């Protein structure tokens, strides 16, 4: 029970972190001394893969059967992909120095699916019959 609460707090904190850094500009702050091409795509990928992993850990229950856990995981991935698209639209509409980018939304979505594969690898494997 305590572990589940910790994951819920981590998930909510992560969502606030992603939202803040997606919608607020850090243009006045020296954010990088290195010029790494497409680093922002790697950041988007990481944000959303961690989001799916934390979301699943926060919402799962050990008493739920695997088909329902699989459905839950798909809902979390759908939520993450939708959230990523909404954030990109909000960047375009609400901010003056941030711009929505379809490639960022793609990186968000790929990150969400990789997060799903990580969860499937860690929690959905069938035990060997050896």
Protein backbone atom coordinates (compact mmCIF):
# COMPACT_ATOMS: atom_id res chain seq x y z
CA UNK A 1 0.00 0.00 0.00
CA UNK A 2 2.79 2.43 0.91
CA UNK A 3 4.73 1.52 -2.26
CA UNK A 4 1.63 2.23 -4.36
CA UNK A 5 1.24 5.64 -2.71
CA UNK A 6 4.89 6.44 -3.36
CA UNK A 7 4.47 5.60 -7.06
CA UNK A 8 1.34 7.77 -7.24
CA UNK A 9 3.22 10.72 -5.74
CA UNK A 10 6.13 10.11 -8.13
CA UNK A 11 3.76 9.92 -11.11
CA UNK A 12 1.95 13.14 -10.20
CA UNK A 13 5.28 14.88 -9.55
CA UNK A 14 6.61 13.65 -12.89
CA UNK A 15 3.50 14.96 -14.69
CA UNK A 16 3.98 18.37 -13.07
CA UNK A 17 7.68 18.33 -14.04
CA UNK A 18 6.91 17.43 -17.67
CA UNK A 19 4.14 20.04 -17.90
CA UNK A 20 6.30 22.79 -16.42
CA UNK A 21 9.29 22.14 -18.66
CA UNK A 22 7.05 21.74 -21.71
CA UNK A 23 5.14 24.99 -21.32
CA UNK A 24 7.59 27.40 -19.67
CA UNK A 25 10.58 28.83 -21.48
CA UNK A 26 14.09 28.58 -20.16
CA UNK A 27 15.47 30.83 -22.91
CA UNK A 28 17.09 33.25 -20.45
CA UNK A 29 18.86 30.46 -18.64
CA UNK A 30 22.04 28.88 -19.98
CA UNK A 31 20.54 25.43 -20.43
CA UNK A 32 23.31 23.75 -22.37
CA UNK A 33 26.99 24.22 -22.98
CA UNK A 34 26.95 21.43 -25.50
CA UNK A 35 25.29 21.60 -28.87
CA UNK A 36 23.97 18.05 -29.32
CA UNK A 37 21.79 17.67 -32.41
CA UNK A 38 18.21 16.59 -31.68
CA UNK A 39 18.83 16.44 -27.93
CA UNK A 40 15.32 17.81 -27.38
CA UNK A 41 13.87 14.69 -29.06
CA UNK A 42 15.79 12.48 -26.62
CA UNK A 43 14.40 14.55 -23.75
CA UNK A 44 10.83 14.19 -25.08
CA UNK A 45 11.38 10.44 -25.52
CA UNK A 46 12.65 10.13 -21.94
CA UNK A 47 9.86 12.25 -20.44
CA UNK A 48 7.15 10.04 -21.92
CA UNK A 49 8.77 6.65 -21.43
CA UNK A 50 9.24 7.45 -17.73
CA UNK A 51 5.65 8.75 -17.64
CA UNK A 52 4.27 5.40 -18.82
CA UNK A 53 6.45 3.38 -16.44
CA UNK A 54 5.52 5.52 -13.42
CA UNK A 55 1.87 5.63 -14.50
CA UNK A 56 1.69 1.85 -14.65
CA UNK A 57 3.47 1.40 -11.32
CA UNK A 58 1.09 3.93 -9.74
CA UNK A 59 -2.09 2.36 -11.10
CA UNK A 60 -1.43 -1.37 -11.05
CA UNK A 61 -2.73 -3.73 -8.47
CA UNK A 62 -1.29 -7.16 -7.76
CA UNK A 63 -4.79 -8.61 -7.43
CA UNK A 64 -5.79 -7.69 -10.99
CA UNK A 65 -5.52 -10.43 -13.63
CA UNK A 66 -3.08 -10.00 -16.53
CA UNK A 67 -5.69 -9.20 -19.22
CA UNK A 68 -6.93 -6.26 -17.13
CA UNK A 69 -3.36 -5.13 -16.42
CA UNK A 70 -2.65 -5.25 -20.15
CA UNK A 71 -5.71 -3.10 -20.82
CA UNK A 72 -4.60 -0.68 -18.08
CA UNK A 73 -1.19 -0.40 -19.73
CA UNK A 74 -2.78 0.43 -23.08
CA UNK A 75 -4.91 3.12 -21.42
CA UNK A 76 -1.80 4.64 -19.86
CA UNK A 77 -0.01 4.66 -23.23
CA UNK A 78 -3.07 6.23 -24.87
CA UNK A 79 -3.16 8.85 -22.11
CA UNK A 80 0.57 9.63 -22.56
CA UNK A 81 0.29 9.95 -26.35
CA UNK A 82 -2.80 12.17 -26.06
CA UNK A 83 -1.17 14.26 -23.33
CA UNK A 84 1.93 14.73 -25.50
CA UNK A 85 -0.16 15.93 -28.43
CA UNK A 86 -2.15 18.30 -26.19
CA UNK A 87 1.09 19.74 -24.77
CA UNK A 88 2.42 20.36 -28.28
CA UNK A 89 -0.83 22.14 -29.25
CA UNK A 90 -0.69 24.21 -26.05
CA UNK A 91 2.91 25.18 -26.82
CA UNK A 92 1.79 26.47 -30.19
CA UNK A 93 -1.34 28.25 -28.92
CA UNK A 94 -0.44 29.55 -25.46
CA UNK A 95 3.26 30.35 -25.54
CA UNK A 96 5.07 33.07 -27.44
CA UNK A 97 8.55 31.58 -27.51
CA UNK A 98 7.73 27.85 -27.68
CA UNK A 99 6.38 26.15 -30.78
CA UNK A 100 4.48 22.91 -31.17
CA UNK A 101 6.44 20.41 -33.22
CA UNK A 102 5.00 17.26 -34.80
CA UNK A 103 8.40 15.58 -34.40
CA UNK A 104 8.27 16.29 -30.66
CA UNK A 105 4.84 14.63 -30.56
CA UNK A 106 6.33 11.68 -32.44
CA UNK A 107 9.23 11.45 -29.96
CA UNK A 108 6.68 11.61 -27.10
CA UNK A 109 4.68 8.76 -28.66
CA UNK A 110 7.71 6.59 -29.33
CA UNK A 111 8.85 7.14 -25.75
CA UNK A 112 5.40 6.09 -24.48
CA UNK A 113 5.52 2.87 -26.51
CA UNK A 114 9.06 2.09 -25.35
CA UNK A 115 7.86 2.63 -21.77
CA UNK A 116 5.11 0.11 -22.50
CA UNK A 117 7.65 -2.42 -23.80
CA UNK A 118 9.76 -1.94 -20.66
CA UNK A 119 6.73 -2.65 -18.48
CA UNK A 120 5.79 -5.67 -20.57
CA UNK A 121 9.34 -7.00 -20.28
CA UNK A 122 9.48 -6.47 -16.52
CA UNK A 123 5.97 -7.53 -15.46
CA UNK A 124 4.23 -9.50 -18.22
CA UNK A 125 6.70 -12.29 -18.91
CA UNK A 126 5.40 -15.78 -18.36
CA UNK A 127 7.53 -17.84 -16.01
CA UNK A 128 9.53 -20.63 -17.57
CA UNK A 129 8.34 -24.19 -17.06
CA UNK A 130 11.82 -25.49 -16.20
